[in-house]
Amino acid sequence: MKTSSITRRLALTAMAVTGLALLPAQLQAQDKGKPSAPVLVTSIGQSLDAFQVQLTVKRAGIPFEYDAHVEPAGIGNNKTLFLAVGASLKGFGDAGITIKDELARTTHLLDEAKKKGLYVVVLHMGGEDRRDALSNQLIELAAPRADRLIIRTDSDADGMFAKIAKAGNIPLTVIDSVIELKDPLKDMFGGA
């Protein structure tokens, strides 16, 4: 009986020590889960939604860079990546790319962001008008890999964003228009 009591105590001690060893890693993961400046704003789908987002980021006083066509190498020293999702056929034509090209660029951006530990925010500010088949391909690729989703109320009539947020335990912020984006940004960045 003494042997089993000693064995039990040793097992409990080992579990406690292991738990303490894991604690710093858990705290680091929590600390990493916050957005910080500078922010890189880009378009996923080549609509003008990213331009509107960058204007709001500027008004919120958050240091940022804007590049609608940024490639992974252009991430630089940014700490947060804003992906404004919404497909525009005119935008694709002006940029000389296809949906296939944009899906590949998005995948590479997300891979590089993960490698560098960037906080990724997927924004859908185009509402119902930007929920066509092309936009949906981009949303299905980017949204599940985001750390946060910010959408317009009319972006989610079919519940796609709500389902993705729930499945991935991703915080979802819903606003009525891009004009209301400033307050969630200030909350995210501690008053910027």
N, C-alpha and C. Protein backbone atom coordinates (compact mmCIF):
# COMPACT_ATOMS: atom_id res chain seq x y z
N MET A 1 0.80 -1.18 0.00
CA MET A 1 0.00 0.00 0.00
C MET A 1 0.85 1.26 0.00
N LYS A 2 1.96 1.22 0.75
CA LYS A 2 2.84 2.37 0.77
C LYS A 2 3.41 2.63 -0.61
N THR A 3 3.75 1.57 -1.34
CA THR A 3 4.32 1.72 -2.66
C THR A 3 3.33 2.40 -3.61
N SER A 4 2.05 2.01 -3.58
CA SER A 4 1.08 2.63 -4.49
C SER A 4 0.85 4.10 -4.10
N SER A 5 0.91 4.41 -2.80
CA SER A 5 0.75 5.78 -2.35
C SER A 5 1.92 6.64 -2.84
N ILE A 6 3.12 6.11 -2.75
CA ILE A 6 4.31 6.83 -3.22
C ILE A 6 4.24 7.00 -4.73
N THR A 7 3.85 5.95 -5.44
CA THR A 7 3.73 6.01 -6.90
C THR A 7 2.71 7.07 -7.30
N ARG A 8 1.59 7.10 -6.59
CA ARG A 8 0.54 8.09 -6.89
C ARG A 8 1.07 9.50 -6.67
N ARG A 9 1.81 9.70 -5.57
CA ARG A 9 2.37 11.03 -5.29
C ARG A 9 3.39 11.44 -6.36
N LEU A 10 4.22 10.50 -6.77
CA LEU A 10 5.20 10.79 -7.82
C LEU A 10 4.50 11.15 -9.13
N ALA A 11 3.44 10.42 -9.44
CA ALA A 11 2.69 10.70 -10.67
C ALA A 11 2.05 12.08 -10.61
N LEU A 12 1.47 12.43 -9.46
CA LEU A 12 0.86 13.75 -9.31
C LEU A 12 1.91 14.86 -9.40
N THR A 13 3.07 14.63 -8.79
CA THR A 13 4.16 15.60 -8.85
C THR A 13 4.63 15.78 -10.29
N ALA A 14 4.78 14.68 -11.02
CA ALA A 14 5.22 14.74 -12.42
C ALA A 14 4.20 15.51 -13.27
N MET A 15 2.91 15.27 -13.03
CA MET A 15 1.86 15.99 -13.78
C MET A 15 1.90 17.48 -13.46
N ALA A 16 2.13 17.81 -12.19
CA ALA A 16 2.19 19.22 -11.80
C ALA A 16 3.38 19.91 -12.45
N VAL A 17 4.53 19.26 -12.45
CA VAL A 17 5.73 19.83 -13.05
C VAL A 17 5.53 20.00 -14.56
N THR A 18 4.95 18.98 -15.20
CA THR A 18 4.68 19.08 -16.63
C THR A 18 3.73 20.23 -16.91
N GLY A 19 2.69 20.37 -16.11
CA GLY A 19 1.73 21.46 -16.28
C GLY A 19 2.39 22.82 -16.15
N LEU A 20 3.31 22.95 -15.19
CA LEU A 20 4.02 24.21 -15.01
C LEU A 20 4.94 24.49 -16.20
N ALA A 21 5.53 23.43 -16.75
CA ALA A 21 6.40 23.61 -17.90
C ALA A 21 5.61 24.10 -19.11
N LEU A 22 4.35 23.69 -19.22
CA LEU A 22 3.52 24.11 -20.34
C LEU A 22 2.98 25.52 -20.18
N LEU A 23 2.89 26.00 -18.96
CA LEU A 23 2.27 27.28 -18.69
C LEU A 23 2.89 28.44 -19.48
N PRO A 24 4.22 28.60 -19.52
CA PRO A 24 4.78 29.72 -20.29
C PRO A 24 4.40 29.65 -21.77
N ALA A 25 4.38 28.45 -22.36
CA ALA A 25 4.02 28.32 -23.77
C ALA A 25 2.57 28.74 -23.99
N GLN A 26 1.70 28.38 -23.05
CA GLN A 26 0.31 28.77 -23.16
C GLN A 26 0.18 30.29 -23.07
N LEU A 27 0.91 30.91 -22.17
CA LEU A 27 0.86 32.36 -22.02
C LEU A 27 1.38 33.05 -23.28
N GLN A 28 2.45 32.51 -23.86
CA GLN A 28 2.98 33.09 -25.09
C GLN A 28 1.95 33.01 -26.20
N ALA A 29 1.25 31.88 -26.31
CA ALA A 29 0.23 31.73 -27.35
C ALA A 29 -0.87 32.75 -27.16
N GLN A 30 -1.25 33.02 -25.92
CA GLN A 30 -2.28 34.01 -25.67
C GLN A 30 -1.79 35.41 -26.04
N ASP A 31 -0.55 35.72 -25.70
CA ASP A 31 0.00 37.03 -26.02
C ASP A 31 0.08 37.23 -27.54
N LYS A 32 0.39 36.17 -28.26
CA LYS A 32 0.53 36.23 -29.71
C LYS A 32 -0.82 36.46 -30.39
N GLY A 33 -1.89 36.22 -29.68
CA GLY A 33 -3.22 36.31 -30.26
C GLY A 33 -3.80 37.71 -30.27
N LYS A 34 -2.98 38.74 -30.28
CA LYS A 34 -3.49 40.11 -30.30
C LYS A 34 -2.90 40.85 -31.48
N PRO A 35 -3.72 41.68 -32.12
CA PRO A 35 -3.17 42.47 -33.23
C PRO A 35 -2.27 43.58 -32.72
N SER A 36 -1.28 43.92 -33.51
CA SER A 36 -0.43 45.06 -33.18
C SER A 36 0.02 45.73 -34.48
N ALA A 37 0.41 46.97 -34.35
CA ALA A 37 0.85 47.75 -35.51
C ALA A 37 2.34 47.46 -35.77
N PRO A 38 2.78 47.69 -36.97
CA PRO A 38 2.05 48.20 -38.12
C PRO A 38 1.20 47.13 -38.82
N VAL A 39 0.20 47.62 -39.55
CA VAL A 39 -0.75 46.78 -40.26
C VAL A 39 -0.49 46.88 -41.75
N LEU A 40 -0.60 45.75 -42.43
CA LEU A 40 -0.54 45.73 -43.88
C LEU A 40 -1.95 45.46 -44.39
N VAL A 41 -2.50 46.39 -45.18
CA VAL A 41 -3.84 46.25 -45.75
C VAL A 41 -3.70 45.87 -47.21
N THR A 42 -4.38 44.80 -47.61
CA THR A 42 -4.37 44.41 -49.02
C THR A 42 -5.74 43.93 -49.45
N SER A 43 -5.91 43.88 -50.75
CA SER A 43 -7.16 43.40 -51.33
C SER A 43 -7.03 41.92 -51.67
N ILE A 44 -8.06 41.18 -51.38
CA ILE A 44 -8.17 39.81 -51.85
C ILE A 44 -9.41 39.79 -52.74
N GLY A 45 -9.17 39.88 -54.05
CA GLY A 45 -10.27 39.95 -54.99
C GLY A 45 -10.24 41.21 -55.84
N GLN A 46 -9.36 42.14 -55.49
CA GLN A 46 -9.09 43.35 -56.26
C GLN A 46 -10.28 44.31 -56.38
N SER A 47 -11.17 44.28 -55.38
CA SER A 47 -12.23 45.29 -55.32
C SER A 47 -11.67 46.53 -54.63
N LEU A 48 -12.45 47.60 -54.62
CA LEU A 48 -12.03 48.83 -53.95
C LEU A 48 -12.27 48.78 -52.44
N ASP A 49 -12.77 47.66 -51.93
CA ASP A 49 -13.04 47.55 -50.50
C ASP A 49 -11.78 47.75 -49.67
N ALA A 50 -10.64 47.25 -50.16
CA ALA A 50 -9.38 47.42 -49.41
C ALA A 50 -9.00 48.89 -49.31
N PHE A 51 -9.28 49.65 -50.36
CA PHE A 51 -8.99 51.09 -50.31
C PHE A 51 -9.82 51.75 -49.22
N GLN A 52 -11.10 51.39 -49.11
CA GLN A 52 -11.96 51.93 -48.05
C GLN A 52 -11.45 51.53 -46.68
N VAL A 53 -11.02 50.27 -46.54
CA VAL A 53 -10.49 49.79 -45.25
C VAL A 53 -9.26 50.60 -44.86
N GLN A 54 -8.34 50.81 -45.79
CA GLN A 54 -7.12 51.54 -45.44
C GLN A 54 -7.41 52.97 -45.04
N LEU A 55 -8.44 53.58 -45.64
CA LEU A 55 -8.82 54.94 -45.23
C LEU A 55 -9.29 54.94 -43.77
N THR A 56 -10.05 53.93 -43.39
CA THR A 56 -10.54 53.84 -42.01
C THR A 56 -9.41 53.54 -41.04
N VAL A 57 -8.47 52.69 -41.45
CA VAL A 57 -7.30 52.41 -40.61
C VAL A 57 -6.52 53.70 -40.37
N LYS A 58 -6.37 54.49 -41.42
CA LYS A 58 -5.66 55.77 -41.30
C LYS A 58 -6.40 56.69 -40.33
N ARG A 59 -7.73 56.80 -40.48
CA ARG A 59 -8.52 57.66 -39.59
C ARG A 59 -8.48 57.20 -38.13
N ALA A 60 -8.28 55.89 -37.93
CA ALA A 60 -8.20 55.35 -36.58
C ALA A 60 -6.82 55.60 -35.97
N GLY A 61 -5.89 56.12 -36.75
CA GLY A 61 -4.56 56.45 -36.24
C GLY A 61 -3.65 55.25 -36.06
N ILE A 62 -3.89 54.19 -36.82
CA ILE A 62 -3.08 52.97 -36.71
C ILE A 62 -2.01 53.00 -37.80
N PRO A 63 -0.73 52.85 -37.43
CA PRO A 63 0.32 52.80 -38.45
C PRO A 63 0.07 51.64 -39.42
N PHE A 64 0.17 51.91 -40.72
CA PHE A 64 -0.15 50.88 -41.70
C PHE A 64 0.57 51.12 -43.01
N GLU A 65 0.53 50.09 -43.85
CA GLU A 65 0.93 50.16 -45.25
C GLU A 65 -0.24 49.66 -46.06
N TYR A 66 -0.38 50.15 -47.28
CA TYR A 66 -1.45 49.69 -48.16
C TYR A 66 -0.84 49.27 -49.49
N ASP A 67 -1.15 48.05 -49.90
CA ASP A 67 -0.70 47.54 -51.20
C ASP A 67 -1.75 46.54 -51.66
N ALA A 68 -2.56 46.95 -52.63
CA ALA A 68 -3.67 46.11 -53.10
C ALA A 68 -3.19 44.81 -53.74
N HIS A 69 -1.95 44.77 -54.19
CA HIS A 69 -1.44 43.59 -54.90
C HIS A 69 -0.23 42.97 -54.19
N VAL A 70 -0.07 43.19 -52.91
CA VAL A 70 1.14 42.76 -52.21
C VAL A 70 1.37 41.26 -52.36
N GLU A 71 2.62 40.93 -52.54
CA GLU A 71 3.06 39.53 -52.58
C GLU A 71 3.65 39.18 -51.21
N PRO A 72 3.82 37.89 -50.91
CA PRO A 72 4.33 37.51 -49.58
C PRO A 72 5.62 38.22 -49.17
N ALA A 73 6.53 38.45 -50.10
CA ALA A 73 7.79 39.12 -49.76
C ALA A 73 7.56 40.55 -49.29
N GLY A 74 6.42 41.14 -49.62
CA GLY A 74 6.11 42.51 -49.25
C GLY A 74 5.54 42.66 -47.85
N ILE A 75 5.40 41.56 -47.13
CA ILE A 75 4.87 41.64 -45.76
C ILE A 75 5.80 42.44 -44.87
N GLY A 76 7.08 42.32 -45.11
CA GLY A 76 8.07 43.10 -44.37
C GLY A 76 7.98 42.93 -42.87
N ASN A 77 8.02 44.05 -42.13
CA ASN A 77 8.00 44.01 -40.67
C ASN A 77 6.62 44.24 -40.07
N ASN A 78 5.58 44.14 -40.90
CA ASN A 78 4.23 44.34 -40.39
C ASN A 78 3.87 43.22 -39.43
N LYS A 79 3.01 43.54 -38.47
CA LYS A 79 2.63 42.59 -37.42
C LYS A 79 1.22 42.05 -37.60
N THR A 80 0.40 42.77 -38.37
CA THR A 80 -0.99 42.38 -38.59
C THR A 80 -1.29 42.51 -40.07
N LEU A 81 -2.06 41.56 -40.59
CA LEU A 81 -2.43 41.55 -42.00
C LEU A 81 -3.94 41.68 -42.12
N PHE A 82 -4.38 42.73 -42.79
CA PHE A 82 -5.80 42.95 -43.07
C PHE A 82 -6.07 42.51 -44.51
N LEU A 83 -6.93 41.53 -44.67
CA LEU A 83 -7.31 41.04 -45.99
C LEU A 83 -8.75 41.48 -46.27
N ALA A 84 -8.92 42.45 -47.14
CA ALA A 84 -10.25 42.93 -47.52
C ALA A 84 -10.72 42.07 -48.69
N VAL A 85 -11.66 41.18 -48.42
CA VAL A 85 -12.10 40.20 -49.40
C VAL A 85 -13.31 40.70 -50.17
N GLY A 86 -13.23 40.56 -51.48
CA GLY A 86 -14.35 40.91 -52.36
C GLY A 86 -13.87 40.93 -53.79
N ALA A 87 -14.42 40.06 -54.63
CA ALA A 87 -13.97 39.94 -56.01
C ALA A 87 -14.58 41.02 -56.89
N SER A 88 -13.75 41.54 -57.79
CA SER A 88 -14.19 42.53 -58.77
C SER A 88 -13.61 42.13 -60.12
N LEU A 89 -14.47 41.85 -61.09
CA LEU A 89 -14.00 41.49 -62.42
C LEU A 89 -13.19 42.64 -63.03
N LYS A 90 -13.65 43.88 -62.81
CA LYS A 90 -12.91 45.05 -63.30
C LYS A 90 -11.52 45.11 -62.64
N GLY A 91 -11.49 44.86 -61.33
CA GLY A 91 -10.22 44.86 -60.61
C GLY A 91 -9.27 43.78 -61.11
N PHE A 92 -9.81 42.60 -61.39
CA PHE A 92 -8.98 41.53 -61.95
C PHE A 92 -8.42 41.95 -63.30
N GLY A 93 -9.28 42.55 -64.13
CA GLY A 93 -8.84 43.00 -65.45
C GLY A 93 -7.77 44.06 -65.36
N ASP A 94 -7.97 45.06 -64.48
CA ASP A 94 -7.00 46.13 -64.31
C ASP A 94 -5.65 45.60 -63.80
N ALA A 95 -5.72 44.58 -62.93
CA ALA A 95 -4.48 44.01 -62.37
C ALA A 95 -3.87 42.97 -63.30
N GLY A 96 -4.63 42.55 -64.33
CA GLY A 96 -4.13 41.54 -65.27
C GLY A 96 -4.00 40.16 -64.66
N ILE A 97 -4.94 39.83 -63.76
CA ILE A 97 -4.90 38.52 -63.09
C ILE A 97 -6.25 37.82 -63.21
N THR A 98 -6.26 36.55 -62.81
CA THR A 98 -7.47 35.74 -62.80
C THR A 98 -7.80 35.34 -61.37
N ILE A 99 -8.97 34.75 -61.18
CA ILE A 99 -9.33 34.25 -59.85
C ILE A 99 -8.32 33.18 -59.41
N LYS A 100 -7.83 32.40 -60.33
CA LYS A 100 -6.83 31.37 -59.99
C LYS A 100 -5.55 32.03 -59.45
N ASP A 101 -5.13 33.11 -60.10
CA ASP A 101 -3.95 33.85 -59.63
C ASP A 101 -4.19 34.41 -58.23
N GLU A 102 -5.40 34.95 -58.00
CA GLU A 102 -5.70 35.57 -56.71
C GLU A 102 -5.81 34.53 -55.60
N LEU A 103 -6.35 33.37 -55.92
CA LEU A 103 -6.41 32.29 -54.92
C LEU A 103 -5.00 31.84 -54.55
N ALA A 104 -4.11 31.75 -55.54
CA ALA A 104 -2.72 31.36 -55.26
C ALA A 104 -2.02 32.42 -54.41
N ARG A 105 -2.18 33.70 -54.78
CA ARG A 105 -1.55 34.78 -54.00
C ARG A 105 -2.06 34.80 -52.56
N THR A 106 -3.36 34.59 -52.40
CA THR A 106 -3.95 34.57 -51.06
C THR A 106 -3.37 33.44 -50.23
N THR A 107 -3.27 32.26 -50.83
CA THR A 107 -2.69 31.10 -50.12
C THR A 107 -1.27 31.41 -49.69
N HIS A 108 -0.46 31.98 -50.59
CA HIS A 108 0.93 32.30 -50.26
C HIS A 108 1.03 33.37 -49.18
N LEU A 109 0.15 34.38 -49.24
CA LEU A 109 0.13 35.42 -48.21
C LEU A 109 -0.20 34.82 -46.84
N LEU A 110 -1.23 33.97 -46.80
CA LEU A 110 -1.63 33.35 -45.53
C LEU A 110 -0.54 32.44 -44.99
N ASP A 111 0.13 31.72 -45.88
CA ASP A 111 1.24 30.85 -45.44
C ASP A 111 2.38 31.68 -44.85
N GLU A 112 2.72 32.78 -45.52
CA GLU A 112 3.80 33.65 -45.04
C GLU A 112 3.41 34.33 -43.73
N ALA A 113 2.15 34.75 -43.63
CA ALA A 113 1.67 35.38 -42.40
C ALA A 113 1.77 34.41 -41.23
N LYS A 114 1.39 33.16 -41.47
CA LYS A 114 1.48 32.15 -40.41
C LYS A 114 2.93 31.93 -40.01
N LYS A 115 3.80 31.81 -41.01
CA LYS A 115 5.23 31.59 -40.76
C LYS A 115 5.83 32.72 -39.92
N LYS A 116 5.41 33.96 -40.20
CA LYS A 116 5.95 35.13 -39.49
C LYS A 116 5.18 35.46 -38.22
N GLY A 117 4.11 34.73 -37.95
CA GLY A 117 3.34 34.97 -36.73
C GLY A 117 2.46 36.20 -36.77
N LEU A 118 2.01 36.62 -37.95
CA LEU A 118 1.14 37.79 -38.06
C LEU A 118 -0.27 37.45 -37.61
N TYR A 119 -0.93 38.43 -37.05
CA TYR A 119 -2.35 38.35 -36.71
C TYR A 119 -3.10 38.68 -38.00
N VAL A 120 -4.04 37.83 -38.39
CA VAL A 120 -4.74 37.98 -39.67
C VAL A 120 -6.20 38.35 -39.42
N VAL A 121 -6.62 39.46 -40.03
CA VAL A 121 -8.01 39.91 -39.96
C VAL A 121 -8.58 39.86 -41.37
N VAL A 122 -9.66 39.10 -41.54
CA VAL A 122 -10.37 39.08 -42.82
C VAL A 122 -11.57 40.00 -42.68
N LEU A 123 -11.67 40.95 -43.61
CA LEU A 123 -12.77 41.92 -43.59
C LEU A 123 -13.59 41.76 -44.87
N HIS A 124 -14.90 41.78 -44.71
CA HIS A 124 -15.79 41.76 -45.87
C HIS A 124 -16.69 42.98 -45.76
N MET A 125 -16.30 44.02 -46.47
CA MET A 125 -17.02 45.30 -46.39
C MET A 125 -17.92 45.56 -47.59
N GLY A 126 -17.93 44.64 -48.55
CA GLY A 126 -18.72 44.84 -49.76
C GLY A 126 -20.17 44.44 -49.64
N GLY A 127 -20.54 43.83 -48.51
CA GLY A 127 -21.91 43.44 -48.29
C GLY A 127 -22.40 42.43 -49.31
N GLU A 128 -23.69 42.44 -49.50
CA GLU A 128 -24.35 41.49 -50.39
C GLU A 128 -23.82 41.57 -51.82
N ASP A 129 -23.43 42.77 -52.25
CA ASP A 129 -22.92 42.94 -53.62
C ASP A 129 -21.63 42.17 -53.88
N ARG A 130 -20.89 41.88 -52.85
CA ARG A 130 -19.62 41.16 -53.00
C ARG A 130 -19.72 39.72 -52.51
N ARG A 131 -20.89 39.13 -52.60
CA ARG A 131 -21.07 37.73 -52.21
C ARG A 131 -21.46 36.88 -53.41
N ASP A 132 -20.70 37.03 -54.49
CA ASP A 132 -20.92 36.20 -55.67
C ASP A 132 -20.02 34.96 -55.58
N ALA A 133 -20.06 34.14 -56.62
CA ALA A 133 -19.30 32.88 -56.61
C ALA A 133 -17.80 33.11 -56.50
N LEU A 134 -17.28 34.16 -57.16
CA LEU A 134 -15.85 34.45 -57.08
C LEU A 134 -15.45 34.88 -55.67
N SER A 135 -16.22 35.79 -55.10
CA SER A 135 -15.93 36.23 -53.73
C SER A 135 -16.01 35.07 -52.76
N ASN A 136 -17.00 34.21 -52.94
CA ASN A 136 -17.16 33.07 -52.03
C ASN A 136 -15.95 32.15 -52.04
N GLN A 137 -15.32 31.98 -53.20
CA GLN A 137 -14.10 31.15 -53.26
C GLN A 137 -13.01 31.76 -52.38
N LEU A 138 -12.88 33.07 -52.45
CA LEU A 138 -11.85 33.76 -51.66
C LEU A 138 -12.18 33.72 -50.17
N ILE A 139 -13.46 33.90 -49.85
CA ILE A 139 -13.90 33.84 -48.45
C ILE A 139 -13.64 32.46 -47.87
N GLU A 140 -14.01 31.42 -48.62
CA GLU A 140 -13.83 30.05 -48.14
C GLU A 140 -12.36 29.71 -47.92
N LEU A 141 -11.48 30.35 -48.67
CA LEU A 141 -10.04 30.14 -48.50
C LEU A 141 -9.48 30.93 -47.31
N ALA A 142 -9.83 32.21 -47.24
CA ALA A 142 -9.19 33.10 -46.26
C ALA A 142 -9.84 33.09 -44.88
N ALA A 143 -11.15 33.12 -44.81
CA ALA A 143 -11.84 33.29 -43.52
C ALA A 143 -11.50 32.21 -42.49
N PRO A 144 -11.43 30.93 -42.86
CA PRO A 144 -11.10 29.93 -41.84
C PRO A 144 -9.69 30.06 -41.28
N ARG A 145 -8.82 30.78 -41.96
CA ARG A 145 -7.43 30.95 -41.50
C ARG A 145 -7.21 32.27 -40.78
N ALA A 146 -8.29 33.01 -40.56
CA ALA A 146 -8.19 34.32 -39.91
C ALA A 146 -8.18 34.18 -38.39
N ASP A 147 -7.61 35.19 -37.73
CA ASP A 147 -7.67 35.30 -36.27
C ASP A 147 -8.90 36.09 -35.85
N ARG A 148 -9.45 36.88 -36.77
CA ARG A 148 -10.65 37.67 -36.52
C ARG A 148 -11.35 37.94 -37.85
N LEU A 149 -12.67 37.99 -37.79
CA LEU A 149 -13.48 38.33 -38.95
C LEU A 149 -14.26 39.61 -38.64
N ILE A 150 -14.27 40.54 -39.58
CA ILE A 150 -15.08 41.75 -39.46
C ILE A 150 -15.88 41.87 -40.75
N ILE A 151 -17.20 41.88 -40.61
CA ILE A 151 -18.04 41.89 -41.80
C ILE A 151 -19.17 42.91 -41.66
N ARG A 152 -19.76 43.25 -42.80
CA ARG A 152 -20.98 44.05 -42.79
C ARG A 152 -22.16 43.13 -42.53
N THR A 153 -23.19 43.67 -41.93
CA THR A 153 -24.40 42.90 -41.61
C THR A 153 -24.93 42.17 -42.83
N ASP A 154 -24.99 42.86 -43.97
CA ASP A 154 -25.55 42.23 -45.17
C ASP A 154 -24.56 41.33 -45.91
N SER A 155 -23.40 41.10 -45.32
CA SER A 155 -22.43 40.17 -45.90
C SER A 155 -22.76 38.72 -45.56
N ASP A 156 -23.64 38.51 -44.60
CA ASP A 156 -23.83 37.15 -44.06
C ASP A 156 -25.28 36.68 -44.10
N ALA A 157 -26.01 37.04 -45.14
CA ALA A 157 -27.41 36.62 -45.24
C ALA A 157 -27.54 35.10 -45.24
N ASP A 158 -26.54 34.40 -45.80
CA ASP A 158 -26.59 32.94 -45.86
C ASP A 158 -25.93 32.27 -44.65
N GLY A 159 -25.36 33.06 -43.74
CA GLY A 159 -24.75 32.51 -42.54
C GLY A 159 -23.36 31.91 -42.74
N MET A 160 -22.75 32.10 -43.90
CA MET A 160 -21.43 31.50 -44.16
C MET A 160 -20.38 31.97 -43.15
N PHE A 161 -20.32 33.28 -42.92
CA PHE A 161 -19.31 33.80 -41.98
C PHE A 161 -19.58 33.30 -40.56
N ALA A 162 -20.83 33.27 -40.16
CA ALA A 162 -21.17 32.79 -38.81
C ALA A 162 -20.75 31.33 -38.64
N LYS A 163 -20.95 30.52 -39.67
CA LYS A 163 -20.55 29.10 -39.61
C LYS A 163 -19.04 28.96 -39.52
N ILE A 164 -18.33 29.73 -40.34
CA ILE A 164 -16.86 29.68 -40.31
C ILE A 164 -16.34 30.13 -38.95
N ALA A 165 -16.91 31.21 -38.42
CA ALA A 165 -16.49 31.72 -37.11
C ALA A 165 -16.72 30.69 -36.02
N LYS A 166 -17.89 30.06 -36.04
CA LYS A 166 -18.21 29.07 -35.02
C LYS A 166 -17.30 27.85 -35.14
N ALA A 167 -17.12 27.36 -36.36
CA ALA A 167 -16.30 26.16 -36.57
C ALA A 167 -14.84 26.37 -36.15
N GLY A 168 -14.32 27.57 -36.40
CA GLY A 168 -12.92 27.85 -36.09
C GLY A 168 -12.70 28.61 -34.80
N ASN A 169 -13.79 28.85 -34.05
CA ASN A 169 -13.70 29.64 -32.82
C ASN A 169 -13.01 30.99 -33.10
N ILE A 170 -13.45 31.64 -34.17
CA ILE A 170 -12.86 32.91 -34.62
C ILE A 170 -13.79 34.04 -34.21
N PRO A 171 -13.29 35.05 -33.51
CA PRO A 171 -14.14 36.19 -33.16
C PRO A 171 -14.71 36.85 -34.42
N LEU A 172 -16.00 37.16 -34.37
CA LEU A 172 -16.71 37.76 -35.50
C LEU A 172 -17.33 39.08 -35.06
N THR A 173 -16.96 40.15 -35.74
CA THR A 173 -17.53 41.47 -35.49
C THR A 173 -18.41 41.84 -36.68
N VAL A 174 -19.64 42.25 -36.41
CA VAL A 174 -20.58 42.62 -37.46
C VAL A 174 -20.92 44.10 -37.32
N ILE A 175 -20.76 44.84 -38.41
CA ILE A 175 -21.06 46.27 -38.43
C ILE A 175 -22.00 46.56 -39.60
N ASP A 176 -22.63 47.72 -39.57
CA ASP A 176 -23.58 48.07 -40.63
C ASP A 176 -22.92 48.65 -41.87
N SER A 177 -21.78 49.31 -41.71
CA SER A 177 -21.09 49.89 -42.86
C SER A 177 -19.62 50.11 -42.52
N VAL A 178 -18.82 50.36 -43.55
CA VAL A 178 -17.39 50.58 -43.35
C VAL A 178 -17.14 51.81 -42.48
N ILE A 179 -18.08 52.73 -42.45
CA ILE A 179 -17.95 53.91 -41.60
C ILE A 179 -17.85 53.52 -40.13
N GLU A 180 -18.50 52.42 -39.74
CA GLU A 180 -18.48 51.95 -38.35
C GLU A 180 -17.25 51.13 -38.01
N LEU A 181 -16.35 50.93 -38.96
CA LEU A 181 -15.17 50.11 -38.74
C LEU A 181 -14.18 50.73 -37.75
N LYS A 182 -14.19 52.04 -37.65
CA LYS A 182 -13.20 52.73 -36.80
C LYS A 182 -13.25 52.28 -35.34
N ASP A 183 -14.44 52.12 -34.77
CA ASP A 183 -14.54 51.73 -33.36
C ASP A 183 -14.00 50.32 -33.09
N PRO A 184 -14.36 49.30 -33.90
CA PRO A 184 -13.76 47.98 -33.67
C PRO A 184 -12.24 47.99 -33.81
N LEU A 185 -11.74 48.82 -34.74
CA LEU A 185 -10.28 48.91 -34.90
C LEU A 185 -9.63 49.50 -33.67
N LYS A 186 -10.22 50.57 -33.14
CA LYS A 186 -9.67 51.18 -31.92
C LYS A 186 -9.70 50.19 -30.76
N ASP A 187 -10.79 49.40 -30.65
CA ASP A 187 -10.86 48.39 -29.60
C ASP A 187 -9.77 47.34 -29.78
N MET A 188 -9.56 46.89 -31.01
CA MET A 188 -8.56 45.87 -31.27
C MET A 188 -7.14 46.35 -30.95
N PHE A 189 -6.88 47.61 -31.24
CA PHE A 189 -5.53 48.14 -31.07
C PHE A 189 -5.39 49.00 -29.82
N GLY A 190 -6.28 48.83 -28.88
CA GLY A 190 -6.17 49.51 -27.60
C GLY A 190 -6.27 51.02 -27.68
N GLY A 191 -7.18 51.51 -28.51
CA GLY A 191 -7.40 52.95 -28.58
C GLY A 191 -6.51 53.66 -29.57
N ALA A 192 -5.57 52.90 -30.18
CA ALA A 192 -4.61 53.42 -31.17
C ALA A 192 -4.29 54.85 -30.95
